[in-house]
Amino acid sequence: MRILFVGDVVGRSGRAAVSETLPGLIRDWKLDLVVVNGENAAGGFGITEAIYQELLDCGADAITLGNHSWDQREALVFIERAPKLIRPANFPVGTPGRGAALIETKNGKRALVVNGIGRIFMQAFDDPFTTIDRELNACPLGEAADAVIVDFHAEASSEKQAIGYFCDGRASLVVGTHTHVPTSDHRILPAGTAYMTDAGMTGDYQSIIGMQKDEPLGRFLRGYPAARFEPADGVATLSGVAVETDDNSGLALKVAPVRLGPIMDRAAPDFW
């Protein structure tokens, strides 16, 4: 199976990069599954139902979220009728929506997509290890699912790495989101799970993690906010990670970063 995970889509420029790039990638790379993190897609904060549908129309098979899941209040309602929209599984019991979903892929197979959120330097949610363990045990790779994707939305690299090894051999891909800075540590872990600490953002990299530079820079210099953050609106780079899995086990055979745009541009993964 050929899988593409697209890192945090930030604002209008990030959405434009997805709409202009993703359909061609699906065609040219013969992608079977596309997962997109969309928690910053609406003006940099949250997601709306219209944007959720827009990302699906571009070819996304599932859309994951994170700490900005409810910044657009309508998400609390429409997520119940959005089966491919997945918020962190370790949100408190009773939170609207779902933390995992079994998705039918473009080639008719089954992919489990799990979203978790970290606790280091972030709000203290339920234990992500216990929660993700439960989801993986309920839908085992190679039995109930042909592929398993875990999007772990977290601040600390150590926590992301720990989740990677915790899921090793039970997931096709564990990928970190949230920091908006792509890492260069893509690899296949000892038991066969592809891993990358952070997929990076799909947005304008002439920015400070996707926001226009003046206000974030000013807050560092002044020590207090003077205005709200606004997403940068230059041409975006699409960032993420590509994985090819074994048809029998669902584990990773190959992994490569994907960065397409004016910053850090690179061609297709060399194994495609």
C-alpha atoms as a PDB file:
ATOM      1  CA  MET A   1       0.000   0.000   0.000  1.00  0.00           C
ATOM      2  CA  ARG A   2       1.214   3.508  -0.798  1.00  0.00           C
ATOM      3  CA  ILE A   3       0.436   6.004   1.944  1.00  0.00           C
ATOM      4  CA  LEU A   4       0.898   9.765   2.125  1.00  0.00           C
ATOM      5  CA  PHE A   5       0.562  11.680   5.381  1.00  0.00           C
ATOM      6  CA  VAL A   6       0.297  15.464   4.987  1.00  0.00           C
ATOM      7  CA  GLY A   7       1.421  17.627   7.900  1.00  0.00           C
ATOM      8  CA  ASP A   8      -0.632  20.366   9.586  1.00  0.00           C
ATOM      9  CA  VAL A   9      -2.428  22.419   6.928  1.00  0.00           C
ATOM     10  CA  VAL A  10      -2.207  26.090   7.954  1.00  0.00           C
ATOM     11  CA  GLY A  11      -4.708  28.616   6.650  1.00  0.00           C
ATOM     12  CA  ARG A  12      -5.698  29.506   3.132  1.00  0.00           C
ATOM     13  CA  SER A  13      -2.217  29.094   1.654  1.00  0.00           C
ATOM     14  CA  GLY A  14      -1.908  25.594   3.097  1.00  0.00           C
ATOM     15  CA  ARG A  15      -5.306  24.639   1.702  1.00  0.00           C
ATOM     16  CA  ALA A  16      -4.298  25.998  -1.690  1.00  0.00           C
ATOM     17  CA  ALA A  17      -1.172  23.816  -1.664  1.00  0.00           C
ATOM     18  CA  VAL A  18      -3.319  20.755  -0.942  1.00  0.00           C
ATOM     19  CA  SER A  19      -5.891  21.531  -3.615  1.00  0.00           C
ATOM     20  CA  GLU A  20      -3.253  22.306  -6.247  1.00  0.00           C
ATOM     21  CA  THR A  21      -0.868  19.441  -5.437  1.00  0.00           C
ATOM     22  CA  LEU A  22      -2.675  16.503  -3.867  1.00  0.00           C
ATOM     23  CA  PRO A  23      -4.846  15.314  -6.799  1.00  0.00           C
ATOM     24  CA  GLY A  24      -1.757  15.074  -9.017  1.00  0.00           C
ATOM     25  CA  LEU A  25       0.204  13.215  -6.345  1.00  0.00           C
ATOM     26  CA  ILE A  26      -2.597  10.687  -5.944  1.00  0.00           C
ATOM     27  CA  ARG A  27      -2.562  10.098  -9.696  1.00  0.00           C
ATOM     28  CA  ASP A  28       1.174  10.136 -10.334  1.00  0.00           C
ATOM     29  CA  TRP A  29       2.273   8.280  -7.199  1.00  0.00           C
ATOM     30  CA  LYS A  30      -0.689   5.872  -7.305  1.00  0.00           C
ATOM     31  CA  LEU A  31      -1.512   6.591  -3.673  1.00  0.00           C
ATOM     32  CA  ASP A  32      -3.838   4.205  -1.854  1.00  0.00           C
ATOM     33  CA  LEU A  33      -4.334   6.248   1.323  1.00  0.00           C
ATOM     34  CA  VAL A  34      -3.980   9.946   2.125  1.00  0.00           C
ATOM     35  CA  VAL A  35      -4.250  11.262   5.697  1.00  0.00           C
ATOM     36  CA  VAL A  36      -4.163  15.023   6.302  1.00  0.00           C
ATOM     37  CA  ASN A  37      -3.819  16.867   9.599  1.00  0.00           C
ATOM     38  CA  GLY A  38      -6.334  19.715   9.333  1.00  0.00           C
ATOM     39  CA  GLU A  39      -6.408  21.250  12.804  1.00  0.00           C
ATOM     40  CA  ASN A  40      -5.040  24.620  11.605  1.00  0.00           C
ATOM     41  CA  ALA A  41      -6.849  24.718   8.275  1.00  0.00           C
ATOM     42  CA  ALA A  42      -9.393  27.449   9.144  1.00  0.00           C
ATOM     43  CA  GLY A  43      -7.445  30.686   9.414  1.00  0.00           C
ATOM     44  CA  GLY A  44      -4.743  28.858  11.343  1.00  0.00           C
ATOM     45  CA  PHE A  45      -7.092  27.735  14.116  1.00  0.00           C
ATOM     46  CA  GLY A  46      -9.400  24.742  13.863  1.00  0.00           C
ATOM     47  CA  ILE A  47     -11.479  23.410  11.005  1.00  0.00           C
ATOM     48  CA  THR A  48     -14.931  24.094   9.570  1.00  0.00           C
ATOM     49  CA  GLU A  49     -17.307  21.681   7.890  1.00  0.00           C
ATOM     50  CA  ALA A  50     -16.772  23.376   4.524  1.00  0.00           C
ATOM     51  CA  ILE A  51     -12.991  22.972   4.831  1.00  0.00           C
ATOM     52  CA  TYR A  52     -13.374  19.352   5.951  1.00  0.00           C
ATOM     53  CA  GLN A  53     -15.331  18.668   2.766  1.00  0.00           C
ATOM     54  CA  GLU A  54     -12.828  20.651   0.696  1.00  0.00           C
ATOM     55  CA  LEU A  55      -9.962  18.445   1.904  1.00  0.00           C
ATOM     56  CA  LEU A  56     -11.955  15.285   1.164  1.00  0.00           C
ATOM     57  CA  ASP A  57     -12.742  16.595  -2.319  1.00  0.00           C
ATOM     58  CA  CYS A  58      -8.989  17.034  -2.911  1.00  0.00           C
ATOM     59  CA  GLY A  59      -8.469  13.326  -2.226  1.00  0.00           C
ATOM     60  CA  ALA A  60      -7.894  13.042   1.528  1.00  0.00           C
ATOM     61  CA  ASP A  61      -9.244   9.788   2.968  1.00  0.00           C
ATOM     62  CA  ALA A  62      -9.053  10.875   6.612  1.00  0.00           C
ATOM     63  CA  ILE A  63      -8.424  14.147   8.450  1.00  0.00           C
ATOM     64  CA  THR A  64      -6.839  14.292  11.896  1.00  0.00           C
ATOM     65  CA  LEU A  65      -6.897  17.089  14.455  1.00  0.00           C
ATOM     66  CA  GLY A  66      -5.091  18.160  17.647  1.00  0.00           C
ATOM     67  CA  ASN A  67      -5.158  20.805  20.362  1.00  0.00           C
ATOM     68  CA  HIS A  68      -7.014  23.266  18.094  1.00  0.00           C
ATOM     69  CA  SER A  69      -9.821  20.793  17.375  1.00  0.00           C
ATOM     70  CA  TRP A  70     -12.557  23.031  18.807  1.00  0.00           C
ATOM     71  CA  ASP A  71     -11.258  26.505  17.917  1.00  0.00           C
ATOM     72  CA  GLN A  72     -14.070  26.667  15.373  1.00  0.00           C
ATOM     73  CA  ARG A  73     -17.040  25.964  17.604  1.00  0.00           C
ATOM     74  CA  GLU A  74     -19.069  24.371  14.804  1.00  0.00           C
ATOM     75  CA  ALA A  75     -16.623  21.436  14.896  1.00  0.00           C
ATOM     76  CA  LEU A  76     -18.189  20.269  18.159  1.00  0.00           C
ATOM     77  CA  VAL A  77     -21.398  19.655  16.226  1.00  0.00           C
ATOM     78  CA  PHE A  78     -20.470  18.669  12.691  1.00  0.00           C
ATOM     79  CA  ILE A  79     -17.805  16.149  13.786  1.00  0.00           C
ATOM     80  CA  GLU A  80     -20.650  13.777  14.685  1.00  0.00           C
ATOM     81  CA  ARG A  81     -21.662  13.607  11.009  1.00  0.00           C
ATOM     82  CA  ALA A  82     -18.088  13.616   9.703  1.00  0.00           C
ATOM     83  CA  PRO A  83     -16.919   9.975   9.906  1.00  0.00           C
ATOM     84  CA  LYS A  84     -13.496  10.717   8.417  1.00  0.00           C
ATOM     85  CA  LEU A  85     -12.688  13.533  10.860  1.00  0.00           C
ATOM     86  CA  ILE A  86     -10.648  12.147  13.774  1.00  0.00           C
ATOM     87  CA  ARG A  87      -9.857  14.074  16.965  1.00  0.00           C
ATOM     88  CA  PRO A  88      -7.393  12.891  19.628  1.00  0.00           C
ATOM     89  CA  ALA A  89      -8.541   9.605  21.138  1.00  0.00           C
ATOM     90  CA  ASN A  90      -7.352  10.579  24.622  1.00  0.00           C
ATOM     91  CA  PHE A  91      -9.661  13.577  24.914  1.00  0.00           C
ATOM     92  CA  PRO A  92     -11.936  13.076  27.948  1.00  0.00           C
ATOM     93  CA  VAL A  93     -14.757  10.543  27.833  1.00  0.00           C
ATOM     94  CA  GLY A  94     -17.850  12.179  26.374  1.00  0.00           C
ATOM     95  CA  THR A  95     -15.995  14.459  23.962  1.00  0.00           C
ATOM     96  CA  PRO A  96     -17.829  14.612  20.608  1.00  0.00           C
ATOM     97  CA  GLY A  97     -16.473  12.656  17.671  1.00  0.00           C
ATOM     98  CA  ARG A  98     -14.096   9.723  17.448  1.00  0.00           C
ATOM     99  CA  GLY A  99     -10.410   9.169  18.148  1.00  0.00           C
ATOM    100  CA  ALA A 100      -9.946   6.386  15.604  1.00  0.00           C
ATOM    101  CA  ALA A 101     -11.657   5.272  12.415  1.00  0.00           C
ATOM    102  CA  LEU A 102     -11.404   2.304  10.081  1.00  0.00           C
ATOM    103  CA  ILE A 103     -11.189   3.853   6.617  1.00  0.00           C
ATOM    104  CA  GLU A 104     -11.719   2.171   3.271  1.00  0.00           C
ATOM    105  CA  THR A 105      -8.683   2.961   1.128  1.00  0.00           C
ATOM    106  CA  LYS A 106      -8.644   3.868  -2.547  1.00  0.00           C
ATOM    107  CA  ASN A 107      -7.695   0.268  -3.396  1.00  0.00           C
ATOM    108  CA  GLY A 108     -10.489  -1.229  -1.317  1.00  0.00           C
ATOM    109  CA  LYS A 109      -8.449  -2.186   1.755  1.00  0.00           C
ATOM    110  CA  ARG A 110      -8.910  -1.203   5.398  1.00  0.00           C
ATOM    111  CA  ALA A 111      -6.799   1.359   7.221  1.00  0.00           C
ATOM    112  CA  LEU A 112      -7.088   2.239  10.891  1.00  0.00           C
ATOM    113  CA  VAL A 113      -6.304   5.910  11.531  1.00  0.00           C
ATOM    114  CA  VAL A 114      -5.660   6.847  15.168  1.00  0.00           C
ATOM    115  CA  ASN A 115      -5.133  10.362  16.526  1.00  0.00           C
ATOM    116  CA  GLY A 116      -3.507  10.980  19.914  1.00  0.00           C
ATOM    117  CA  ILE A 117      -2.348  14.077  21.773  1.00  0.00           C
ATOM    118  CA  GLY A 118       0.661  14.458  24.035  1.00  0.00           C
ATOM    119  CA  ARG A 119       0.809  15.679  27.635  1.00  0.00           C
ATOM    120  CA  ILE A 120       4.339  17.130  27.904  1.00  0.00           C
ATOM    121  CA  PHE A 121       4.256  20.969  27.715  1.00  0.00           C
ATOM    122  CA  MET A 122       0.564  20.718  26.749  1.00  0.00           C
ATOM    123  CA  GLN A 123      -2.788  20.465  28.493  1.00  0.00           C
ATOM    124  CA  ALA A 124      -2.971  17.284  30.556  1.00  0.00           C
ATOM    125  CA  PHE A 125      -5.377  14.982  28.742  1.00  0.00           C
ATOM    126  CA  ASP A 126      -5.892  11.276  29.417  1.00  0.00           C
ATOM    127  CA  ASP A 127      -2.932   8.910  29.100  1.00  0.00           C
ATOM    128  CA  PRO A 128      -2.121   8.620  25.371  1.00  0.00           C
ATOM    129  CA  PHE A 129      -0.230   5.342  25.774  1.00  0.00           C
ATOM    130  CA  THR A 130      -3.147   3.502  27.358  1.00  0.00           C
ATOM    131  CA  THR A 131      -5.608   5.009  24.890  1.00  0.00           C
ATOM    132  CA  ILE A 132      -3.579   4.242  21.765  1.00  0.00           C
ATOM    133  CA  ASP A 133      -2.848   0.751  23.078  1.00  0.00           C
ATOM    134  CA  ARG A 134      -6.577   0.129  23.380  1.00  0.00           C
ATOM    135  CA  GLU A 135      -7.235   1.292  19.809  1.00  0.00           C
ATOM    136  CA  LEU A 136      -4.441  -0.856  18.364  1.00  0.00           C
ATOM    137  CA  ASN A 137      -5.579  -3.931  20.272  1.00  0.00           C
ATOM    138  CA  ALA A 138      -9.168  -3.451  19.113  1.00  0.00           C
ATOM    139  CA  CYS A 139      -8.147  -3.408  15.434  1.00  0.00           C
ATOM    140  CA  PRO A 140      -4.859  -5.307  15.007  1.00  0.00           C
ATOM    141  CA  LEU A 141      -2.586  -4.651  12.056  1.00  0.00           C
ATOM    142  CA  GLY A 142      -2.574  -7.567   9.618  1.00  0.00           C
ATOM    143  CA  GLU A 143      -5.855  -8.906  10.971  1.00  0.00           C
ATOM    144  CA  ALA A 144      -8.614  -6.300  11.177  1.00  0.00           C
ATOM    145  CA  ALA A 145      -6.622  -3.593   9.367  1.00  0.00           C
ATOM    146  CA  ASP A 146      -4.331  -3.702   6.331  1.00  0.00           C
ATOM    147  CA  ALA A 147      -2.563  -0.531   7.506  1.00  0.00           C
ATOM    148  CA  VAL A 148      -2.484   1.475  10.731  1.00  0.00           C
ATOM    149  CA  ILE A 149      -1.582   5.162  10.874  1.00  0.00           C
ATOM    150  CA  VAL A 150      -0.989   6.934  14.192  1.00  0.00           C
ATOM    151  CA  ASP A 151      -0.879  10.750  14.189  1.00  0.00           C
ATOM    152  CA  PHE A 152       0.580  11.786  17.541  1.00  0.00           C
ATOM    153  CA  HIS A 153       0.031  15.502  18.082  1.00  0.00           C
ATOM    154  CA  ALA A 154       2.614  16.540  20.649  1.00  0.00           C
ATOM    155  CA  GLU A 155       5.207  19.115  21.633  1.00  0.00           C
ATOM    156  CA  ALA A 156       8.019  17.003  23.061  1.00  0.00           C
ATOM    157  CA  SER A 157      10.183  14.978  20.678  1.00  0.00           C
ATOM    158  CA  SER A 158      10.885  12.483  23.462  1.00  0.00           C
ATOM    159  CA  GLU A 159       7.181  11.775  23.954  1.00  0.00           C
ATOM    160  CA  LYS A 160       6.739  11.291  20.210  1.00  0.00           C
ATOM    161  CA  GLN A 161       9.687   8.902  20.056  1.00  0.00           C
ATOM    162  CA  ALA A 162       8.297   6.970  23.015  1.00  0.00           C
ATOM    163  CA  ILE A 163       4.957   6.548  21.251  1.00  0.00           C
ATOM    164  CA  GLY A 164       6.836   5.403  18.144  1.00  0.00           C
ATOM    165  CA  TYR A 165       8.599   2.588  19.976  1.00  0.00           C
ATOM    166  CA  PHE A 166       5.450   1.790  21.965  1.00  0.00           C
ATOM    167  CA  CYS A 167       3.602   1.167  18.664  1.00  0.00           C
ATOM    168  CA  ASP A 168       6.521  -0.488  16.843  1.00  0.00           C
ATOM    169  CA  GLY A 169       5.363  -3.627  15.067  1.00  0.00           C
ATOM    170  CA  ARG A 170       1.697  -2.710  15.545  1.00  0.00           C
ATOM    171  CA  ALA A 171       1.424   0.270  13.183  1.00  0.00           C
ATOM    172  CA  SER A 172       2.456   0.976   9.614  1.00  0.00           C
ATOM    173  CA  LEU A 173       3.353   4.596  10.440  1.00  0.00           C
ATOM    174  CA  VAL A 174       3.677   6.695  13.582  1.00  0.00           C
ATOM    175  CA  VAL A 175       4.112  10.354  12.697  1.00  0.00           C
ATOM    176  CA  GLY A 176       4.280  13.426  14.897  1.00  0.00           C
ATOM    177  CA  THR A 177       2.434  16.660  14.255  1.00  0.00           C
ATOM    178  CA  HIS A 178       1.965  20.006  16.065  1.00  0.00           C
ATOM    179  CA  THR A 179       5.370  21.739  16.004  1.00  0.00           C
ATOM    180  CA  HIS A 180       5.114  22.695  12.281  1.00  0.00           C
ATOM    181  CA  VAL A 181       8.843  22.064  11.801  1.00  0.00           C
ATOM    182  CA  PRO A 182       9.712  18.985   9.709  1.00  0.00           C
ATOM    183  CA  THR A 183      12.317  16.664  11.183  1.00  0.00           C
ATOM    184  CA  SER A 184      14.904  14.624   9.296  1.00  0.00           C
ATOM    185  CA  ASP A 185      14.682  11.440  11.376  1.00  0.00           C
ATOM    186  CA  HIS A 186      12.361   9.394   9.136  1.00  0.00           C
ATOM    187  CA  ARG A 187      13.207   5.718   9.520  1.00  0.00           C
ATOM    188  CA  ILE A 188      11.780   2.253   9.973  1.00  0.00           C
ATOM    189  CA  LEU A 189      11.900   1.113  13.606  1.00  0.00           C
ATOM    190  CA  PRO A 190      13.234  -2.360  14.525  1.00  0.00           C
ATOM    191  CA  ALA A 191       9.852  -4.138  14.434  1.00  0.00           C
ATOM    192  CA  GLY A 192       8.782  -2.562  11.132  1.00  0.00           C
ATOM    193  CA  THR A 193       6.913   0.669  11.886  1.00  0.00           C
ATOM    194  CA  ALA A 194       7.798   3.752   9.843  1.00  0.00           C
ATOM    195  CA  TYR A 195       8.452   6.750  12.066  1.00  0.00           C
ATOM    196  CA  MET A 196       9.026  10.512  11.793  1.00  0.00           C
ATOM    197  CA  THR A 197       9.083  12.874  14.778  1.00  0.00           C
ATOM    198  CA  ASP A 198       7.279  15.685  12.947  1.00  0.00           C
ATOM    199  CA  ALA A 199       5.821  15.835   9.464  1.00  0.00           C
ATOM    200  CA  GLY A 200       6.118  19.622   9.339  1.00  0.00           C
ATOM    201  CA  MET A 201       3.369  21.953   8.191  1.00  0.00           C
ATOM    202  CA  THR A 202       1.711  22.524   4.871  1.00  0.00           C
ATOM    203  CA  GLY A 203       1.852  26.286   4.814  1.00  0.00           C
ATOM    204  CA  ASP A 204       3.970  29.346   4.079  1.00  0.00           C
ATOM    205  CA  TYR A 205       7.457  28.717   5.509  1.00  0.00           C
ATOM    206  CA  GLN A 206       8.338  32.430   5.258  1.00  0.00           C
ATOM    207  CA  SER A 207       6.649  32.719   8.634  1.00  0.00           C
ATOM    208  CA  ILE A 208       6.950  31.741  12.271  1.00  0.00           C
ATOM    209  CA  ILE A 209       5.363  28.267  12.376  1.00  0.00           C
ATOM    210  CA  GLY A 210       2.810  29.383   9.809  1.00  0.00           C
ATOM    211  CA  MET A 211       1.916  32.788  11.258  1.00  0.00           C
ATOM    212  CA  GLN A 212       2.820  36.195   9.879  1.00  0.00           C
ATOM    213  CA  LYS A 213       6.140  37.071  11.494  1.00  0.00           C
ATOM    214  CA  ASP A 214       5.516  40.480  13.100  1.00  0.00           C
ATOM    215  CA  GLU A 215       3.234  39.526  15.980  1.00  0.00           C
ATOM    216  CA  PRO A 216       5.054  36.360  17.115  1.00  0.00           C
ATOM    217  CA  LEU A 217       8.393  38.192  16.893  1.00  0.00           C
ATOM    218  CA  GLY A 218       6.929  41.174  18.733  1.00  0.00           C
ATOM    219  CA  ARG A 219       5.711  38.969  21.568  1.00  0.00           C
ATOM    220  CA  PHE A 220       9.234  37.651  22.082  1.00  0.00           C
ATOM    221  CA  LEU A 221      10.598  41.199  22.114  1.00  0.00           C
ATOM    222  CA  ARG A 222       7.815  42.850  24.163  1.00  0.00           C
ATOM    223  CA  GLY A 223       6.755  39.995  26.375  1.00  0.00           C
ATOM    224  CA  TYR A 224       3.034  40.563  25.779  1.00  0.00           C
ATOM    225  CA  PRO A 225       0.531  40.194  22.898  1.00  0.00           C
ATOM    226  CA  ALA A 226      -0.464  43.252  20.883  1.00  0.00           C
ATOM    227  CA  ALA A 227      -2.631  41.609  18.232  1.00  0.00           C
ATOM    228  CA  ARG A 228      -3.948  38.213  17.243  1.00  0.00           C
ATOM    229  CA  PHE A 229      -1.894  35.806  15.189  1.00  0.00           C
ATOM    230  CA  GLU A 230      -2.703  35.781  11.470  1.00  0.00           C
ATOM    231  CA  PRO A 231      -1.668  32.955   9.132  1.00  0.00           C
ATOM    232  CA  ALA A 232       1.029  33.769   6.596  1.00  0.00           C
ATOM    233  CA  ASP A 233      -0.418  33.949   3.106  1.00  0.00           C
ATOM    234  CA  GLY A 234       2.567  33.339   0.820  1.00  0.00           C
ATOM    235  CA  VAL A 235       2.960  30.311  -1.429  1.00  0.00           C
ATOM    236  CA  ALA A 236       2.891  27.196   0.735  1.00  0.00           C
ATOM    237  CA  THR A 237       5.106  24.125   0.818  1.00  0.00           C
ATOM    238  CA  LEU A 238       3.338  20.788   1.208  1.00  0.00           C
ATOM    239  CA  SER A 239       5.167  18.745   3.853  1.00  0.00           C
ATOM    240  CA  GLY A 240       4.620  15.210   5.005  1.00  0.00           C
ATOM    241  CA  VAL A 241       5.858  11.655   4.815  1.00  0.00           C
ATOM    242  CA  ALA A 242       5.367   8.822   2.315  1.00  0.00           C
ATOM    243  CA  VAL A 243       5.309   5.147   3.225  1.00  0.00           C
ATOM    244  CA  GLU A 244       5.091   1.923   1.259  1.00  0.00           C
ATOM    245  CA  THR A 245       3.852  -1.094   3.199  1.00  0.00           C
ATOM    246  CA  ASP A 246       4.060  -4.853   2.830  1.00  0.00           C
ATOM    247  CA  ASP A 247       0.785  -6.348   1.586  1.00  0.00           C
ATOM    248  CA  ASN A 248       0.975  -9.303   3.960  1.00  0.00           C
ATOM    249  CA  SER A 249       2.047  -7.732   7.256  1.00  0.00           C
ATOM    250  CA  GLY A 250       1.029  -4.092   6.783  1.00  0.00           C
ATOM    251  CA  LEU A 251       4.417  -3.027   8.124  1.00  0.00           C
ATOM    252  CA  ALA A 252       6.611  -0.473   6.396  1.00  0.00           C
ATOM    253  CA  LEU A 253       8.988  -1.363   3.611  1.00  0.00           C
ATOM    254  CA  LYS A 254      10.089   2.173   2.730  1.00  0.00           C
ATOM    255  CA  VAL A 255       9.690   5.682   4.118  1.00  0.00           C
ATOM    256  CA  ALA A 256      10.656   9.116   2.810  1.00  0.00           C
ATOM    257  CA  PRO A 257       9.896  12.764   3.593  1.00  0.00           C
ATOM    258  CA  VAL A 258       7.771  14.788   1.183  1.00  0.00           C
ATOM    259  CA  ARG A 259       8.361  18.531   0.796  1.00  0.00           C
ATOM    260  CA  LEU A 260       6.922  20.135  -2.307  1.00  0.00           C
ATOM    261  CA  GLY A 261       6.921  23.891  -2.770  1.00  0.00           C
ATOM    262  CA  PRO A 262       9.153  26.973  -2.794  1.00  0.00           C
ATOM    263  CA  ILE A 263      10.932  25.997   0.440  1.00  0.00           C
ATOM    264  CA  MET A 264      12.840  22.710   0.775  1.00  0.00           C
ATOM    265  CA  ASP A 265      11.469  21.403  -2.516  1.00  0.00           C
ATOM    266  CA  ARG A 266      12.289  17.800  -3.322  1.00  0.00           C
ATOM    267  CA  ALA A 267      11.105  15.338  -5.930  1.00  0.00           C
ATOM    268  CA  ALA A 268       8.981  12.246  -5.397  1.00  0.00           C
ATOM    269  CA  PRO A 269      10.294   9.617  -2.989  1.00  0.00           C
ATOM    270  CA  ASP A 270      12.978   7.733  -4.873  1.00  0.00           C
ATOM    271  CA  PHE A 271      11.199   4.408  -4.315  1.00  0.00           C
ATOM    272  CA  TRP A 272       8.213   5.629  -6.401  1.00  0.00           C
END
